[in-house]
Amino acid sequence: MKYKDWTTLKTAGKVAFKKIAAVAEVKNSDGEITTSSQPAYTILEKKVYNPDTGAESTVQDRMDLSELEEQKAQKTAEKAKLITEIAELGKMITAIKKV
């Protein structure tokens, strides 16, 4: 999924965030621990369709907030760099037109 499509897909009910609760530990019927502690996390559920059969299924992607924040910071830095380059190109164009 491309980030630019997220709002459209959410509006159409094709994606949704879900919070998975923390787990202390899970024991089976014999009292043995089957799952150790696990912190809460967020998933992104996406509806996908098999093009051959048309069957619908759900895919879950674990989302990492810090990773998304880092990507946003990188994109913001790229944007600032591009804005500076565009401004410099504009100055060059203006200078050339004066020649």
PDB file of N, CA and C in Angstrom:
ATOM      1  N   MET A   1       0.839  -1.173   0.000  1.00  0.00           N
ATOM      2  CA  MET A   1       0.000   0.000   0.000  1.00  0.00           C
ATOM      3  C   MET A   1       0.880   1.231   0.000  1.00  0.00           C
ATOM      4  N   LYS A   2       0.532   2.167  -0.847  1.00  0.00           N
ATOM      5  CA  LYS A   2       1.243   3.434  -0.869  1.00  0.00           C
ATOM      6  C   LYS A   2       0.589   4.365   0.137  1.00  0.00           C
ATOM      7  N   TYR A   3       1.410   5.140   0.805  1.00  0.00           N
ATOM      8  CA  TYR A   3       0.889   6.020   1.849  1.00  0.00           C
ATOM      9  C   TYR A   3      -0.153   6.988   1.304  1.00  0.00           C
ATOM     10  N   LYS A   4       0.022   7.446   0.059  1.00  0.00           N
ATOM     11  CA  LYS A   4      -0.923   8.411  -0.499  1.00  0.00           C
ATOM     12  C   LYS A   4      -2.318   7.804  -0.684  1.00  0.00           C
ATOM     13  N   ASP A   5      -2.411   6.495  -0.710  1.00  0.00           N
ATOM     14  CA  ASP A   5      -3.699   5.813  -0.896  1.00  0.00           C
ATOM     15  C   ASP A   5      -4.404   5.508   0.418  1.00  0.00           C
ATOM     16  N   TRP A   6      -3.746   5.715   1.546  1.00  0.00           N
ATOM     17  CA  TRP A   6      -4.291   5.292   2.826  1.00  0.00           C
ATOM     18  C   TRP A   6      -5.651   5.914   3.119  1.00  0.00           C
ATOM     19  N   THR A   7      -5.804   7.215   2.937  1.00  0.00           N
ATOM     20  CA  THR A   7      -7.068   7.882   3.256  1.00  0.00           C
ATOM     21  C   THR A   7      -8.198   7.341   2.389  1.00  0.00           C
ATOM     22  N   THR A   8      -7.949   7.156   1.108  1.00  0.00           N
ATOM     23  CA  THR A   8      -8.964   6.623   0.199  1.00  0.00           C
ATOM     24  C   THR A   8      -9.375   5.218   0.616  1.00  0.00           C
ATOM     25  N   LEU A   9      -8.403   4.378   0.925  1.00  0.00           N
ATOM     26  CA  LEU A   9      -8.698   3.001   1.338  1.00  0.00           C
ATOM     27  C   LEU A   9      -9.439   2.961   2.670  1.00  0.00           C
ATOM     28  N   LYS A  10      -9.067   3.847   3.601  1.00  0.00           N
ATOM     29  CA  LYS A  10      -9.754   3.899   4.894  1.00  0.00           C
ATOM     30  C   LYS A  10     -11.205   4.322   4.699  1.00  0.00           C
ATOM     31  N   THR A  11     -11.441   5.319   3.869  1.00  0.00           N
ATOM     32  CA  THR A  11     -12.800   5.791   3.596  1.00  0.00           C
ATOM     33  C   THR A  11     -13.644   4.677   2.979  1.00  0.00           C
ATOM     34  N   ALA A  12     -13.031   3.859   2.135  1.00  0.00           N
ATOM     35  CA  ALA A  12     -13.743   2.761   1.475  1.00  0.00           C
ATOM     36  C   ALA A  12     -13.869   1.528   2.378  1.00  0.00           C
ATOM     37  N   GLY A  13     -13.316   1.587   3.583  1.00  0.00           N
ATOM     38  CA  GLY A  13     -13.412   0.448   4.498  1.00  0.00           C
ATOM     39  C   GLY A  13     -12.481  -0.695   4.140  1.00  0.00           C
ATOM     40  N   LYS A  14     -11.422  -0.413   3.399  1.00  0.00           N
ATOM     41  CA  LYS A  14     -10.489  -1.465   2.974  1.00  0.00           C
ATOM     42  C   LYS A  14      -9.322  -1.651   3.935  1.00  0.00           C
ATOM     43  N   VAL A  15      -9.051  -0.634   4.788  1.00  0.00           N
ATOM     44  CA  VAL A  15      -7.971  -0.726   5.768  1.00  0.00           C
ATOM     45  C   VAL A  15      -8.449  -0.171   7.106  1.00  0.00           C
ATOM     46  N   ALA A  16      -7.848  -0.646   8.172  1.00  0.00           N
ATOM     47  CA  ALA A  16      -8.180  -0.146   9.504  1.00  0.00           C
ATOM     48  C   ALA A  16      -7.048  -0.483  10.468  1.00  0.00           C
ATOM     49  N   PHE A  17      -6.790   0.431  11.401  1.00  0.00           N
ATOM     50  CA  PHE A  17      -5.823   0.164  12.450  1.00  0.00           C
ATOM     51  C   PHE A  17      -6.526  -0.555  13.594  1.00  0.00           C
ATOM     52  N   LYS A  18      -5.813  -1.484  14.204  1.00  0.00           N
ATOM     53  CA  LYS A  18      -6.337  -2.191  15.368  1.00  0.00           C
ATOM     54  C   LYS A  18      -5.227  -2.301  16.394  1.00  0.00           C
ATOM     55  N   LYS A  19      -5.600  -2.111  17.646  1.00  0.00           N
ATOM     56  CA  LYS A  19      -4.656  -2.219  18.744  1.00  0.00           C
ATOM     57  C   LYS A  19      -4.737  -3.637  19.303  1.00  0.00           C
ATOM     58  N   ILE A  20      -3.598  -4.284  19.419  1.00  0.00           N
ATOM     59  CA  ILE A  20      -3.522  -5.619  20.013  1.00  0.00           C
ATOM     60  C   ILE A  20      -3.042  -5.435  21.456  1.00  0.00           C
ATOM     61  N   ALA A  21      -3.829  -5.923  22.383  1.00  0.00           N
ATOM     62  CA  ALA A  21      -3.542  -5.734  23.808  1.00  0.00           C
ATOM     63  C   ALA A  21      -2.290  -6.485  24.240  1.00  0.00           C
ATOM     64  N   ALA A  22      -1.684  -5.997  25.279  1.00  0.00           N
ATOM     65  CA  ALA A  22      -0.518  -6.656  25.851  1.00  0.00           C
ATOM     66  C   ALA A  22      -0.916  -7.994  26.449  1.00  0.00           C
ATOM     67  N   VAL A  23       0.015  -8.929  26.453  1.00  0.00           N
ATOM     68  CA  VAL A  23      -0.219 -10.261  27.006  1.00  0.00           C
ATOM     69  C   VAL A  23       0.830 -10.516  28.078  1.00  0.00           C
ATOM     70  N   ALA A  24       0.386 -10.874  29.276  1.00  0.00           N
ATOM     71  CA  ALA A  24       1.331 -11.182  30.349  1.00  0.00           C
ATOM     72  C   ALA A  24       1.988 -12.530  30.044  1.00  0.00           C
ATOM     73  N   GLU A  25       1.179 -13.568  30.010  1.00  0.00           N
ATOM     74  CA  GLU A  25       1.621 -14.899  29.569  1.00  0.00           C
ATOM     75  C   GLU A  25       0.389 -15.773  29.398  1.00  0.00           C
ATOM     76  N   VAL A  26       0.498 -16.714  28.493  1.00  0.00           N
ATOM     77  CA  VAL A  26      -0.621 -17.607  28.204  1.00  0.00           C
ATOM     78  C   VAL A  26      -0.181 -19.023  28.544  1.00  0.00           C
ATOM     79  N   LYS A  27      -1.057 -19.736  29.261  1.00  0.00           N
ATOM     80  CA  LYS A  27      -0.757 -21.123  29.630  1.00  0.00           C
ATOM     81  C   LYS A  27      -1.747 -22.050  28.949  1.00  0.00           C
ATOM     82  N   ASN A  28      -1.274 -23.227  28.573  1.00  0.00           N
ATOM     83  CA  ASN A  28      -2.168 -24.217  27.970  1.00  0.00           C
ATOM     84  C   ASN A  28      -2.872 -24.999  29.081  1.00  0.00           C
ATOM     85  N   SER A  29      -3.641 -26.017  28.718  1.00  0.00           N
ATOM     86  CA  SER A  29      -4.419 -26.785  29.707  1.00  0.00           C
ATOM     87  C   SER A  29      -3.532 -27.534  30.706  1.00  0.00           C
ATOM     88  N   ASP A  30      -2.272 -27.787  30.367  1.00  0.00           N
ATOM     89  CA  ASP A  30      -1.347 -28.464  31.270  1.00  0.00           C
ATOM     90  C   ASP A  30      -0.645 -27.483  32.207  1.00  0.00           C
ATOM     91  N   GLY A  31      -0.933 -26.183  32.045  1.00  0.00           N
ATOM     92  CA  GLY A  31      -0.309 -25.177  32.896  1.00  0.00           C
ATOM     93  C   GLY A  31       1.046 -24.720  32.397  1.00  0.00           C
ATOM     94  N   GLU A  32       1.436 -25.168  31.204  1.00  0.00           N
ATOM     95  CA  GLU A  32       2.721 -24.751  30.639  1.00  0.00           C
ATOM     96  C   GLU A  32       2.546 -23.416  29.922  1.00  0.00           C
ATOM     97  N   ILE A  33       3.549 -22.571  30.055  1.00  0.00           N
ATOM     98  CA  ILE A  33       3.493 -21.261  29.396  1.00  0.00           C
ATOM     99  C   ILE A  33       3.716 -21.456  27.897  1.00  0.00           C
ATOM    100  N   THR A  34       2.756 -21.008  27.101  1.00  0.00           N
ATOM    101  CA  THR A  34       2.875 -21.127  25.640  1.00  0.00           C
ATOM    102  C   THR A  34       3.272 -19.808  24.993  1.00  0.00           C
ATOM    103  N   THR A  35       2.964 -18.697  25.661  1.00  0.00           N
ATOM    104  CA  THR A  35       3.329 -17.378  25.150  1.00  0.00           C
ATOM    105  C   THR A  35       3.832 -16.545  26.308  1.00  0.00           C
ATOM    106  N   SER A  36       5.036 -16.031  26.172  1.00  0.00           N
ATOM    107  CA  SER A  36       5.556 -15.169  27.230  1.00  0.00           C
ATOM    108  C   SER A  36       5.006 -13.760  27.042  1.00  0.00           C
ATOM    109  N   SER A  37       5.381 -12.869  27.915  1.00  0.00           N
ATOM    110  CA  SER A  37       4.829 -11.515  27.863  1.00  0.00           C
ATOM    111  C   SER A  37       5.121 -10.855  26.514  1.00  0.00           C
ATOM    112  N   GLN A  38       4.168 -10.037  26.123  1.00  0.00           N
ATOM    113  CA  GLN A  38       4.264  -9.350  24.838  1.00  0.00           C
ATOM    114  C   GLN A  38       3.618  -7.977  25.006  1.00  0.00           C
ATOM    115  N   PRO A  39       4.311  -6.907  24.638  1.00  0.00           N
ATOM    116  CA  PRO A  39       3.716  -5.576  24.796  1.00  0.00           C
ATOM    117  C   PRO A  39       2.593  -5.354  23.782  1.00  0.00           C
ATOM    118  N   ALA A  40       1.765  -4.360  24.043  1.00  0.00           N
ATOM    119  CA  ALA A  40       0.704  -3.999  23.103  1.00  0.00           C
ATOM    120  C   ALA A  40       1.335  -3.471  21.818  1.00  0.00           C
ATOM    121  N   TYR A  41       0.665  -3.666  20.703  1.00  0.00           N
ATOM    122  CA  TYR A  41       1.145  -3.134  19.422  1.00  0.00           C
ATOM    123  C   TYR A  41      -0.043  -2.853  18.514  1.00  0.00           C
ATOM    124  N   THR A  42       0.226  -2.201  17.408  1.00  0.00           N
ATOM    125  CA  THR A  42      -0.813  -1.819  16.457  1.00  0.00           C
ATOM    126  C   THR A  42      -0.605  -2.561  15.147  1.00  0.00           C
ATOM    127  N   ILE A  43      -1.713  -2.976  14.551  1.00  0.00           N
ATOM    128  CA  ILE A  43      -1.647  -3.613  13.234  1.00  0.00           C
ATOM    129  C   ILE A  43      -2.503  -2.818  12.255  1.00  0.00           C
ATOM    130  N   LEU A  44      -2.182  -2.964  10.999  1.00  0.00           N
ATOM    131  CA  LEU A  44      -2.989  -2.406   9.927  1.00  0.00           C
ATOM    132  C   LEU A  44      -3.602  -3.590   9.197  1.00  0.00           C
ATOM    133  N   GLU A  45      -4.927  -3.703   9.271  1.00  0.00           N
ATOM    134  CA  GLU A  45      -5.627  -4.777   8.553  1.00  0.00           C
ATOM    135  C   GLU A  45      -6.020  -4.271   7.179  1.00  0.00           C
ATOM    136  N   LYS A  46      -5.708  -5.075   6.160  1.00  0.00           N
ATOM    137  CA  LYS A  46      -6.048  -4.732   4.781  1.00  0.00           C
ATOM    138  C   LYS A  46      -6.869  -5.847   4.167  1.00  0.00           C
ATOM    139  N   LYS A  47      -7.915  -5.471   3.454  1.00  0.00           N
ATOM    140  CA  LYS A  47      -8.688  -6.457   2.700  1.00  0.00           C
ATOM    141  C   LYS A  47      -7.999  -6.640   1.359  1.00  0.00           C
ATOM    142  N   VAL A  48      -7.765  -7.881   0.997  1.00  0.00           N
ATOM    143  CA  VAL A  48      -7.161  -8.201  -0.290  1.00  0.00           C
ATOM    144  C   VAL A  48      -8.045  -9.224  -1.000  1.00  0.00           C
ATOM    145  N   TYR A  49      -7.945  -9.224  -2.300  1.00  0.00           N
ATOM    146  CA  TYR A  49      -8.772 -10.105  -3.114  1.00  0.00           C
ATOM    147  C   TYR A  49      -7.897 -10.947  -4.018  1.00  0.00           C
ATOM    148  N   ASN A  50      -8.231 -12.217  -4.135  1.00  0.00           N
ATOM    149  CA  ASN A  50      -7.532 -13.123  -5.045  1.00  0.00           C
ATOM    150  C   ASN A  50      -8.066 -12.844  -6.443  1.00  0.00           C
ATOM    151  N   PRO A  51      -7.211 -12.433  -7.384  1.00  0.00           N
ATOM    152  CA  PRO A  51      -7.694 -12.096  -8.721  1.00  0.00           C
ATOM    153  C   PRO A  51      -8.255 -13.304  -9.482  1.00  0.00           C
ATOM    154  N   ASP A  52      -7.819 -14.505  -9.132  1.00  0.00           N
ATOM    155  CA  ASP A  52      -8.292 -15.702  -9.825  1.00  0.00           C
ATOM    156  C   ASP A  52      -9.666 -16.152  -9.337  1.00  0.00           C
ATOM    157  N   THR A  53      -9.874 -16.086  -8.016  1.00  0.00           N
ATOM    158  CA  THR A  53     -11.125 -16.599  -7.464  1.00  0.00           C
ATOM    159  C   THR A  53     -12.069 -15.498  -6.990  1.00  0.00           C
ATOM    160  N   GLY A  54     -11.521 -14.293  -6.763  1.00  0.00           N
ATOM    161  CA  GLY A  54     -12.347 -13.208  -6.230  1.00  0.00           C
ATOM    162  C   GLY A  54     -12.560 -13.309  -4.739  1.00  0.00           C
ATOM    163  N   ALA A  55     -11.929 -14.288  -4.105  1.00  0.00           N
ATOM    164  CA  ALA A  55     -12.095 -14.481  -2.661  1.00  0.00           C
ATOM    165  C   ALA A  55     -11.430 -13.345  -1.890  1.00  0.00           C
ATOM    166  N   GLU A  56     -12.112 -12.900  -0.859  1.00  0.00           N
ATOM    167  CA  GLU A  56     -11.594 -11.823  -0.016  1.00  0.00           C
ATOM    168  C   GLU A  56     -10.890 -12.417   1.191  1.00  0.00           C
ATOM    169  N   SER A  57      -9.769 -11.816   1.572  1.00  0.00           N
ATOM    170  CA  SER A  57      -9.083 -12.217   2.799  1.00  0.00           C
ATOM    171  C   SER A  57      -8.518 -10.958   3.456  1.00  0.00           C
ATOM    172  N   THR A  58      -8.059 -11.123   4.675  1.00  0.00           N
ATOM    173  CA  THR A  58      -7.519 -10.000   5.427  1.00  0.00           C
ATOM    174  C   THR A  58      -6.046 -10.247   5.717  1.00  0.00           C
ATOM    175  N   VAL A  59      -5.234  -9.230   5.464  1.00  0.00           N
ATOM    176  CA  VAL A  59      -3.804  -9.292   5.738  1.00  0.00           C
ATOM    177  C   VAL A  59      -3.522  -8.330   6.879  1.00  0.00           C
ATOM    178  N   GLN A  60      -2.691  -8.759   7.826  1.00  0.00           N
ATOM    179  CA  GLN A  60      -2.349  -7.906   8.954  1.00  0.00           C
ATOM    180  C   GLN A  60      -0.870  -7.560   8.900  1.00  0.00           C
ATOM    181  N   ASP A  61      -0.580  -6.253   8.930  1.00  0.00           N
ATOM    182  CA  ASP A  61       0.801  -5.774   8.979  1.00  0.00           C
ATOM    183  C   ASP A  61       1.023  -5.083  10.310  1.00  0.00           C
ATOM    184  N   ARG A  62       2.062  -5.479  10.999  1.00  0.00           N
ATOM    185  CA  ARG A  62       2.387  -4.828  12.271  1.00  0.00           C
ATOM    186  C   ARG A  62       2.975  -3.452  11.964  1.00  0.00           C
ATOM    187  N   MET A  63       2.481  -2.439  12.635  1.00  0.00           N
ATOM    188  CA  MET A  63       2.914  -1.072  12.392  1.00  0.00           C
ATOM    189  C   MET A  63       3.819  -0.614  13.532  1.00  0.00           C
ATOM    190  N   ASP A  64       4.887   0.064  13.175  1.00  0.00           N
ATOM    191  CA  ASP A  64       5.830   0.583  14.158  1.00  0.00           C
ATOM    192  C   ASP A  64       5.784   2.105  14.085  1.00  0.00           C
ATOM    193  N   LEU A  65       5.235   2.731  15.118  1.00  0.00           N
ATOM    194  CA  LEU A  65       5.050   4.175  15.136  1.00  0.00           C
ATOM    195  C   LEU A  65       6.371   4.916  14.967  1.00  0.00           C
ATOM    196  N   SER A  66       7.412   4.468  15.632  1.00  0.00           N
ATOM    197  CA  SER A  66       8.705   5.164  15.530  1.00  0.00           C
ATOM    198  C   SER A  66       9.256   5.097  14.105  1.00  0.00           C
ATOM    199  N   GLU A  67       9.030   3.980  13.421  1.00  0.00           N
ATOM    200  CA  GLU A  67       9.478   3.849  12.036  1.00  0.00           C
ATOM    201  C   GLU A  67       8.716   4.820  11.129  1.00  0.00           C
ATOM    202  N   LEU A  68       7.404   4.928  11.345  1.00  0.00           N
ATOM    203  CA  LEU A  68       6.610   5.864  10.552  1.00  0.00           C
ATOM    204  C   LEU A  68       7.027   7.308  10.813  1.00  0.00           C
ATOM    205  N   GLU A  69       7.308   7.624  12.074  1.00  0.00           N
ATOM    206  CA  GLU A  69       7.763   8.977  12.403  1.00  0.00           C
ATOM    207  C   GLU A  69       9.109   9.276  11.749  1.00  0.00           C
ATOM    208  N   GLU A  70       9.997   8.281  11.700  1.00  0.00           N
ATOM    209  CA  GLU A  70      11.297   8.455  11.052  1.00  0.00           C
ATOM    210  C   GLU A  70      11.122   8.682   9.545  1.00  0.00           C
ATOM    211  N   GLN A  71      10.231   7.911   8.918  1.00  0.00           N
ATOM    212  CA  GLN A  71       9.971   8.093   7.493  1.00  0.00           C
ATOM    213  C   GLN A  71       9.406   9.483   7.210  1.00  0.00           C
ATOM    214  N   LYS A  72       8.513   9.944   8.086  1.00  0.00           N
ATOM    215  CA  LYS A  72       7.943  11.281   7.918  1.00  0.00           C
ATOM    216  C   LYS A  72       9.041  12.335   8.017  1.00  0.00           C
ATOM    217  N   ALA A  73       9.939  12.199   8.980  1.00  0.00           N
ATOM    218  CA  ALA A  73      11.040  13.156   9.148  1.00  0.00           C
ATOM    219  C   ALA A  73      11.935  13.169   7.915  1.00  0.00           C
ATOM    220  N   GLN A  74      12.211  11.983   7.348  1.00  0.00           N
ATOM    221  CA  GLN A  74      13.029  11.904   6.134  1.00  0.00           C
ATOM    222  C   GLN A  74      12.342  12.599   4.963  1.00  0.00           C
ATOM    223  N   LYS A  75      11.039  12.360   4.803  1.00  0.00           N
ATOM    224  CA  LYS A  75      10.284  12.988   3.715  1.00  0.00           C
ATOM    225  C   LYS A  75      10.245  14.510   3.889  1.00  0.00           C
ATOM    226  N   THR A  76      10.104  14.963   5.133  1.00  0.00           N
ATOM    227  CA  THR A  76      10.089  16.399   5.413  1.00  0.00           C
ATOM    228  C   THR A  76      11.439  17.021   5.057  1.00  0.00           C
ATOM    229  N   ALA A  77      12.532  16.334   5.383  1.00  0.00           N
ATOM    230  CA  ALA A  77      13.871  16.827   5.033  1.00  0.00           C
ATOM    231  C   ALA A  77      14.053  16.865   3.517  1.00  0.00           C
ATOM    232  N   GLU A  78      13.575  15.825   2.821  1.00  0.00           N
ATOM    233  CA  GLU A  78      13.646  15.804   1.353  1.00  0.00           C
ATOM    234  C   GLU A  78      12.854  16.970   0.766  1.00  0.00           C
ATOM    235  N   LYS A  79      11.688  17.229   1.327  1.00  0.00           N
ATOM    236  CA  LYS A  79      10.838  18.324   0.859  1.00  0.00           C
ATOM    237  C   LYS A  79      11.559  19.666   1.021  1.00  0.00           C
ATOM    238  N   ALA A  80      12.178  19.880   2.181  1.00  0.00           N
ATOM    239  CA  ALA A  80      12.905  21.128   2.422  1.00  0.00           C
ATOM    240  C   ALA A  80      14.042  21.297   1.423  1.00  0.00           C
ATOM    241  N   LYS A  81      14.744  20.213   1.142  1.00  0.00           N
ATOM    242  CA  LYS A  81      15.847  20.257   0.170  1.00  0.00           C
ATOM    243  C   LYS A  81      15.319  20.604  -1.218  1.00  0.00           C
ATOM    244  N   LEU A  82      14.203  19.990  -1.616  1.00  0.00           N
ATOM    245  CA  LEU A  82      13.619  20.277  -2.929  1.00  0.00           C
ATOM    246  C   LEU A  82      13.131  21.722  -3.030  1.00  0.00           C
ATOM    247  N   ILE A  83      12.543  22.239  -1.954  1.00  0.00           N
ATOM    248  CA  ILE A  83      12.076  23.627  -1.957  1.00  0.00           C
ATOM    249  C   ILE A  83      13.256  24.563  -2.168  1.00  0.00           C
ATOM    250  N   THR A  84      14.391  24.289  -1.525  1.00  0.00           N
ATOM    251  CA  THR A  84      15.593  25.103  -1.691  1.00  0.00           C
ATOM    252  C   THR A  84      16.100  25.018  -3.128  1.00  0.00           C
ATOM    253  N   GLU A  85      16.139  23.812  -3.699  1.00  0.00           N
ATOM    254  CA  GLU A  85      16.590  23.635  -5.081  1.00  0.00           C
ATOM    255  C   GLU A  85      15.679  24.374  -6.052  1.00  0.00           C
ATOM    256  N   ILE A  86      14.379  24.311  -5.829  1.00  0.00           N
ATOM    257  CA  ILE A  86      13.422  24.998  -6.696  1.00  0.00           C
ATOM    258  C   ILE A  86      13.642  26.508  -6.632  1.00  0.00           C
ATOM    259  N   ALA A  87      13.875  27.019  -5.436  1.00  0.00           N
ATOM    260  CA  ALA A  87      14.123  28.456  -5.278  1.00  0.00           C
ATOM    261  C   ALA A  87      15.389  28.865  -6.025  1.00  0.00           C
ATOM    262  N   GLU A  88      16.437  28.073  -5.921  1.00  0.00           N
ATOM    263  CA  GLU A  88      17.683  28.379  -6.631  1.00  0.00           C
ATOM    264  C   GLU A  88      17.496  28.313  -8.140  1.00  0.00           C
ATOM    265  N   LEU A  89      16.741  27.331  -8.612  1.00  0.00           N
ATOM    266  CA  LEU A  89      16.452  27.256 -10.050  1.00  0.00           C
ATOM    267  C   LEU A  89      15.688  28.490 -10.511  1.00  0.00           C
ATOM    268  N   GLY A  90      14.753  28.938  -9.707  1.00  0.00           N
ATOM    269  CA  GLY A  90      13.999  30.145 -10.035  1.00  0.00           C
ATOM    270  C   GLY A  90      14.907  31.353 -10.154  1.00  0.00           C
ATOM    271  N   LYS A  91      15.862  31.475  -9.236  1.00  0.00           N
ATOM    272  CA  LYS A  91      16.818  32.585  -9.293  1.00  0.00           C
ATOM    273  C   LYS A  91      17.670  32.509 -10.551  1.00  0.00           C
ATOM    274  N   MET A  92      18.093  31.299 -10.912  1.00  0.00           N
ATOM    275  CA  MET A  92      18.896  31.121 -12.138  1.00  0.00           C
ATOM    276  C   MET A  92      18.078  31.511 -13.369  1.00  0.00           C
ATOM    277  N   ILE A  93      16.827  31.077 -13.415  1.00  0.00           N
ATOM    278  CA  ILE A  93      15.964  31.392 -14.549  1.00  0.00           C
ATOM    279  C   ILE A  93      15.781  32.908 -14.667  1.00  0.00           C
ATOM    280  N   THR A  94      15.552  33.569 -13.544  1.00  0.00           N
ATOM    281  CA  THR A  94      15.384  35.019 -13.526  1.00  0.00           C
ATOM    282  C   THR A  94      16.659  35.708 -14.029  1.00  0.00           C
ATOM    283  N   ALA A  95      17.823  35.217 -13.568  1.00  0.00           N
ATOM    284  CA  ALA A  95      19.092  35.802 -13.985  1.00  0.00           C
ATOM    285  C   ALA A  95      19.321  35.620 -15.484  1.00  0.00           C
ATOM    286  N   ILE A  96      18.988  34.432 -16.015  1.00  0.00           N
ATOM    287  CA  ILE A  96      19.178  34.169 -17.434  1.00  0.00           C
ATOM    288  C   ILE A  96      18.267  35.064 -18.266  1.00  0.00           C
ATOM    289  N   LYS A  97      17.038  35.281 -17.823  1.00  0.00           N
ATOM    290  CA  LYS A  97      16.102  36.119 -18.567  1.00  0.00           C
ATOM    291  C   LYS A  97      16.560  37.571 -18.626  1.00  0.00           C
ATOM    292  N   LYS A  98      17.380  37.997 -17.656  1.00  0.00           N
ATOM    293  CA  LYS A  98      17.888  39.364 -17.638  1.00  0.00           C
ATOM    294  C   LYS A  98      19.067  39.554 -18.599  1.00  0.00           C
ATOM    295  N   VAL A  99      19.684  38.477 -19.032  1.00  0.00           N
ATOM    296  CA  VAL A  99      20.848  38.558 -19.922  1.00  0.00           C
ATOM    297  C   VAL A  99      20.437  38.980 -21.303  1.00  0.00           C
TER     298      VAL A  99
END
